[in-house]
Protein backbone atom coordinates (compact mmCIF):
# COMPACT_ATOMS: atom_id res chain seq x y z
CA MET A 1 5.63 -12.86 -17.47
CA LYS A 2 8.36 -10.55 -16.05
CA VAL A 3 7.77 -6.80 -16.37
CA LYS A 4 10.60 -4.31 -16.12
CA GLY A 5 10.09 -2.43 -12.77
CA LEU A 6 8.07 -5.14 -11.04
CA LYS A 7 9.66 -7.79 -8.97
CA ASN A 8 6.86 -10.42 -9.00
CA ASP A 9 6.06 -12.68 -11.86
CA ILE A 10 2.71 -11.62 -13.53
CA GLN A 11 0.31 -14.48 -14.03
CA GLY A 12 -3.00 -12.58 -14.58
CA LEU A 13 -4.12 -9.28 -16.19
CA ILE A 14 -7.14 -7.05 -15.67
CA PHE A 15 -8.11 -4.43 -18.26
CA ASP A 16 -10.32 -1.38 -18.48
CA MET A 17 -11.92 -1.02 -21.83
CA ASP A 18 -12.86 2.48 -23.13
CA GLY A 19 -9.85 4.44 -24.22
CA LEU A 20 -7.52 1.60 -23.35
CA LEU A 21 -8.32 -1.31 -25.68
CA VAL A 22 -10.72 0.57 -27.91
CA ASP A 23 -10.74 4.22 -29.11
CA SER A 24 -14.25 4.68 -27.92
CA GLU A 25 -13.36 7.78 -25.75
CA LYS A 26 -12.68 9.72 -28.88
CA LEU A 27 -16.14 8.59 -30.24
CA TYR A 28 -17.84 9.61 -27.04
CA TRP A 29 -16.21 13.04 -27.23
CA GLN A 30 -17.34 13.57 -30.72
CA ALA A 31 -20.76 12.27 -30.05
CA ASN A 32 -21.08 14.58 -26.93
CA VAL A 33 -20.09 17.50 -29.18
CA GLN A 34 -22.70 16.52 -31.82
CA ALA A 35 -25.49 15.96 -29.29
CA ALA A 36 -24.76 19.28 -27.54
CA HIS A 37 -25.19 21.01 -30.93
CA GLU A 38 -28.52 19.23 -31.54
CA PHE A 39 -29.83 20.31 -28.14
CA ASN A 40 -28.41 23.86 -28.62
CA LEU A 41 -26.43 23.65 -25.36
CA ASN A 42 -23.72 26.14 -24.89
CA ILE A 43 -20.97 23.82 -23.94
CA PRO A 44 -17.27 24.32 -25.16
CA ASP A 45 -15.99 21.36 -27.17
CA ASP A 46 -13.14 20.70 -24.96
CA SER A 47 -15.27 20.62 -21.86
CA TYR A 48 -16.00 16.90 -22.53
CA LEU A 49 -12.38 15.94 -21.70
CA LYS A 50 -13.56 16.31 -18.14
CA LEU A 51 -15.84 13.29 -18.48
CA ILE A 52 -12.99 10.88 -19.52
CA GLY A 53 -12.54 8.51 -16.75
CA ALA A 54 -14.47 10.65 -14.44
CA SER A 55 -15.92 9.65 -11.11
CA ASN A 56 -19.60 9.85 -10.45
CA GLU A 57 -19.04 12.97 -8.35
CA GLN A 58 -17.19 14.64 -11.29
CA MET A 59 -19.87 13.71 -13.77
CA GLU A 60 -22.66 15.20 -11.53
CA LYS A 61 -20.64 18.45 -11.18
CA PHE A 62 -20.31 18.65 -15.02
CA TYR A 63 -24.04 18.06 -15.54
CA HIS A 64 -24.97 20.56 -12.93
CA GLN A 65 -22.84 23.17 -14.54
CA TYR A 66 -24.18 22.83 -18.11
CA PHE A 67 -27.66 21.25 -18.05
CA PRO A 68 -30.87 23.14 -17.12
CA ASN A 69 -32.60 20.06 -15.74
CA HIS A 70 -32.30 16.29 -15.33
CA GLN A 71 -34.70 15.69 -18.39
CA VAL A 72 -32.29 17.51 -20.79
CA ARG A 73 -29.31 15.73 -19.19
CA ASP A 74 -30.90 12.27 -19.63
CA GLU A 75 -31.80 13.04 -23.13
CA PHE A 76 -28.37 14.23 -23.87
CA ILE A 77 -26.88 11.00 -22.46
CA LYS A 78 -29.25 8.87 -24.44
CA ARG A 79 -28.59 10.71 -27.70
CA THR A 80 -24.71 10.41 -27.08
CA ASP A 81 -25.10 6.69 -26.64
CA GLU A 82 -27.28 6.36 -29.80
CA ILE A 83 -24.52 8.22 -31.82
CA VAL A 84 -21.74 6.06 -30.56
CA TRP A 85 -23.74 2.96 -31.13
CA GLN A 86 -24.42 3.94 -34.77
CA TRP A 87 -20.82 4.93 -35.49
CA SER A 88 -19.67 1.57 -33.94
CA ASP A 89 -21.92 -0.37 -36.35
CA GLN A 90 -20.48 1.87 -39.20
CA GLY A 91 -16.94 0.52 -38.41
CA LYS A 92 -15.59 3.63 -36.74
CA LEU A 93 -14.67 1.89 -33.51
CA LYS A 94 -11.06 0.66 -33.62
CA LEU A 95 -8.56 -1.13 -31.38
CA ARG A 96 -5.93 1.21 -30.10
CA PRO A 97 -2.40 0.81 -31.43
CA GLY A 98 -0.66 -2.47 -30.27
CA VAL A 99 -3.71 -4.00 -28.66
CA GLN A 100 -4.03 -6.92 -30.87
CA LYS A 101 -0.31 -7.79 -30.82
CA ALA A 102 -0.37 -7.50 -26.97
CA LEU A 103 -3.47 -9.70 -26.37
CA ASP A 104 -2.06 -12.43 -28.81
CA PHE A 105 1.25 -12.30 -26.79
CA PHE A 106 -0.54 -12.37 -23.45
CA ASP A 107 -2.54 -15.37 -24.70
CA GLU A 108 0.62 -17.22 -25.93
CA GLN A 109 2.02 -16.66 -22.35
CA ASN A 110 -1.10 -18.42 -20.96
CA LEU A 111 -1.83 -15.37 -18.85
CA LYS A 112 -5.33 -15.25 -17.18
CA MET A 113 -7.15 -12.03 -18.57
CA GLY A 114 -10.31 -10.35 -17.26
CA MET A 115 -12.00 -7.09 -17.99
CA ALA A 116 -13.42 -4.61 -15.45
CA SER A 117 -15.11 -1.72 -17.31
CA SER A 118 -17.35 1.03 -15.96
CA ASN A 119 -19.49 1.06 -19.11
CA TYR A 120 -22.85 -0.84 -19.61
CA GLN A 121 -22.68 -4.49 -20.21
CA LYS A 122 -24.43 -4.34 -23.66
CA VAL A 123 -21.81 -1.83 -24.77
CA VAL A 124 -18.97 -3.88 -23.42
CA ASP A 125 -20.34 -6.84 -25.21
CA LYS A 126 -20.88 -5.00 -28.42
CA PHE A 127 -17.42 -3.45 -28.55
CA VAL A 128 -15.35 -6.67 -27.86
CA TRP A 129 -17.57 -8.30 -30.48
CA LEU A 130 -17.12 -5.74 -33.14
CA THR A 131 -13.35 -5.51 -32.53
CA GLY A 132 -12.87 -9.31 -32.43
CA ILE A 133 -11.30 -9.50 -28.94
CA ARG A 134 -13.97 -11.15 -26.78
CA GLN A 135 -12.36 -14.67 -26.81
CA TYR A 136 -9.40 -13.32 -24.81
CA PHE A 137 -11.16 -12.66 -21.58
CA LYS A 138 -12.22 -15.09 -18.87
CA PHE A 139 -14.87 -12.57 -17.78
CA ARG A 140 -16.12 -9.08 -18.58
CA LEU A 141 -17.35 -7.05 -15.56
CA SER A 142 -19.27 -3.87 -16.19
CA TYR A 143 -21.43 -1.28 -14.56
CA LYS A 144 -24.19 -4.00 -14.22
CA ASP A 145 -21.91 -5.90 -11.84
CA VAL A 146 -21.41 -2.63 -9.90
CA LEU A 147 -25.12 -2.22 -9.48
CA GLU A 148 -26.03 -5.94 -8.87
CA ASN A 149 -23.36 -6.33 -6.22
CA GLN A 150 -23.66 -2.87 -4.64
CA LEU A 151 -20.06 -2.09 -5.41
CA LYS A 152 -18.71 1.45 -5.28
CA PRO A 153 -17.45 2.61 -8.72
CA LYS A 154 -14.08 3.59 -9.69
CA PRO A 155 -11.83 5.22 -7.99
CA ALA A 156 -12.97 2.65 -5.36
CA PRO A 157 -11.22 -0.57 -5.63
CA ASP A 158 -14.41 -2.68 -5.60
CA ILE A 159 -14.61 -3.83 -9.23
CA TYR A 160 -10.96 -4.68 -9.39
CA LEU A 161 -11.10 -6.72 -6.17
CA MET A 162 -13.92 -8.61 -7.72
CA ALA A 163 -11.94 -9.26 -10.71
CA GLN A 164 -9.01 -10.40 -8.49
CA GLU A 165 -11.32 -12.85 -6.91
CA LYS A 166 -12.59 -14.26 -10.24
CA LEU A 167 -8.95 -14.67 -11.49
CA ALA A 168 -8.04 -16.46 -8.15
CA LEU A 169 -4.59 -15.06 -8.13
CA PRO A 170 -2.70 -13.08 -5.50
CA LYS A 171 -2.53 -9.28 -5.81
CA GLU A 172 1.18 -9.37 -6.23
CA ASN A 173 0.89 -11.55 -9.38
CA LEU A 174 -1.65 -9.36 -11.13
CA LEU A 175 -1.43 -6.34 -13.28
CA ILE A 176 -4.11 -3.77 -14.20
CA PHE A 177 -4.13 -1.79 -17.39
CA GLU A 178 -5.85 1.64 -17.39
CA ASP A 179 -5.94 4.76 -19.40
CA SER A 180 -7.40 7.25 -16.99
CA SER A 181 -6.38 8.78 -13.61
CA THR A 182 -9.61 7.47 -11.99
CA GLY A 183 -8.70 3.95 -13.04
CA VAL A 184 -5.12 4.32 -11.70
CA MET A 185 -6.52 5.45 -8.44
CA ALA A 186 -8.84 2.43 -8.27
CA ALA A 187 -5.82 0.15 -9.00
CA LYS A 188 -3.82 1.85 -6.28
CA ASN A 189 -6.76 1.53 -3.82
CA ALA A 190 -7.01 -2.23 -4.65
CA GLY A 191 -3.31 -2.69 -3.87
CA ILE A 192 -2.55 -4.07 -7.36
CA ASN A 193 0.23 -2.81 -9.70
CA CYS A 194 -0.91 -0.77 -12.56
CA VAL A 195 0.24 0.21 -16.21
CA MET A 196 -1.24 3.33 -17.63
CA ILE A 197 -1.49 3.86 -21.28
CA PRO A 198 -3.02 7.31 -21.57
CA ASP A 199 -5.49 8.19 -24.43
CA LEU A 200 -6.88 11.67 -24.62
CA LYS A 201 -5.59 13.09 -21.30
CA GLU A 202 -1.99 13.29 -20.17
CA PRO A 203 -1.08 11.43 -16.89
CA THR A 204 -0.95 13.38 -13.78
CA ALA A 205 1.72 13.67 -11.13
CA ALA A 206 -0.15 11.09 -9.09
CA ASP A 207 -0.38 8.79 -11.99
CA LYS A 208 3.36 8.81 -12.54
CA GLU A 209 3.85 8.27 -8.89
CA TYR A 210 2.07 4.96 -8.81
CA ALA A 211 1.65 3.41 -12.33
CA LEU A 212 4.21 2.44 -14.96
CA ILE A 213 3.25 4.71 -17.94
CA TYR A 214 3.74 3.80 -21.58
CA ASP A 215 2.65 5.50 -24.76
CA SER A 216 1.33 2.32 -26.35
CA PHE A 217 0.95 -1.39 -25.83
CA ASP A 218 3.90 -1.80 -28.29
CA LYS A 219 6.12 0.22 -25.85
CA PHE A 220 4.94 -1.91 -22.95
CA LEU A 221 5.72 -5.13 -24.82
CA SER A 222 9.38 -4.00 -25.22
CA GLN A 223 9.73 -4.09 -21.51
CA VAL A 224 8.47 -7.65 -20.81
CA LYS A 225 9.86 -11.14 -21.26
């Protein structure tokens, strides 16, 4: 596959999941707001946008700012996960625009595809099952792989380098799809070209400097052949 703006032929693709393939970031945001109200936490609703694609360090700073102790923080996280799980079962989880069309096209082009998510394995498995896209991916890396292999989480390149190894393709023939600045930085640190399709947060100047940025997968497909 040839992509406008890239000189090398693309033979393999690596995808993030949350906010890129599925609209789960919106569900997590709404669940965070509901959980905070249930716990009577005085957190502005727009504060949760800071959690989207956040690094571990940024997450800890957020928790330290708004939570009185670790117990409340852990209960809040657990409740948020429960709400998102319930809403997903109710059919509220959807593919983002153009995703199905893009995956079908990539599959027709015989491109190798893998997933490298920062979410938990059970959540990754559930989301791809509910949205009907599990069959497209040769593998699905998750936070489980980060822990088991003692990898550094995004924005470190570790999980993307593991994905590259599994696809068995040179970096110059790979393309990473991301929606967050943290993910774009991880792709840059891995030395692999990146396409950013932003979700709830606008791309930064650094994102624009490194990644090819499109509003949707439909827009991206208009630039390939």
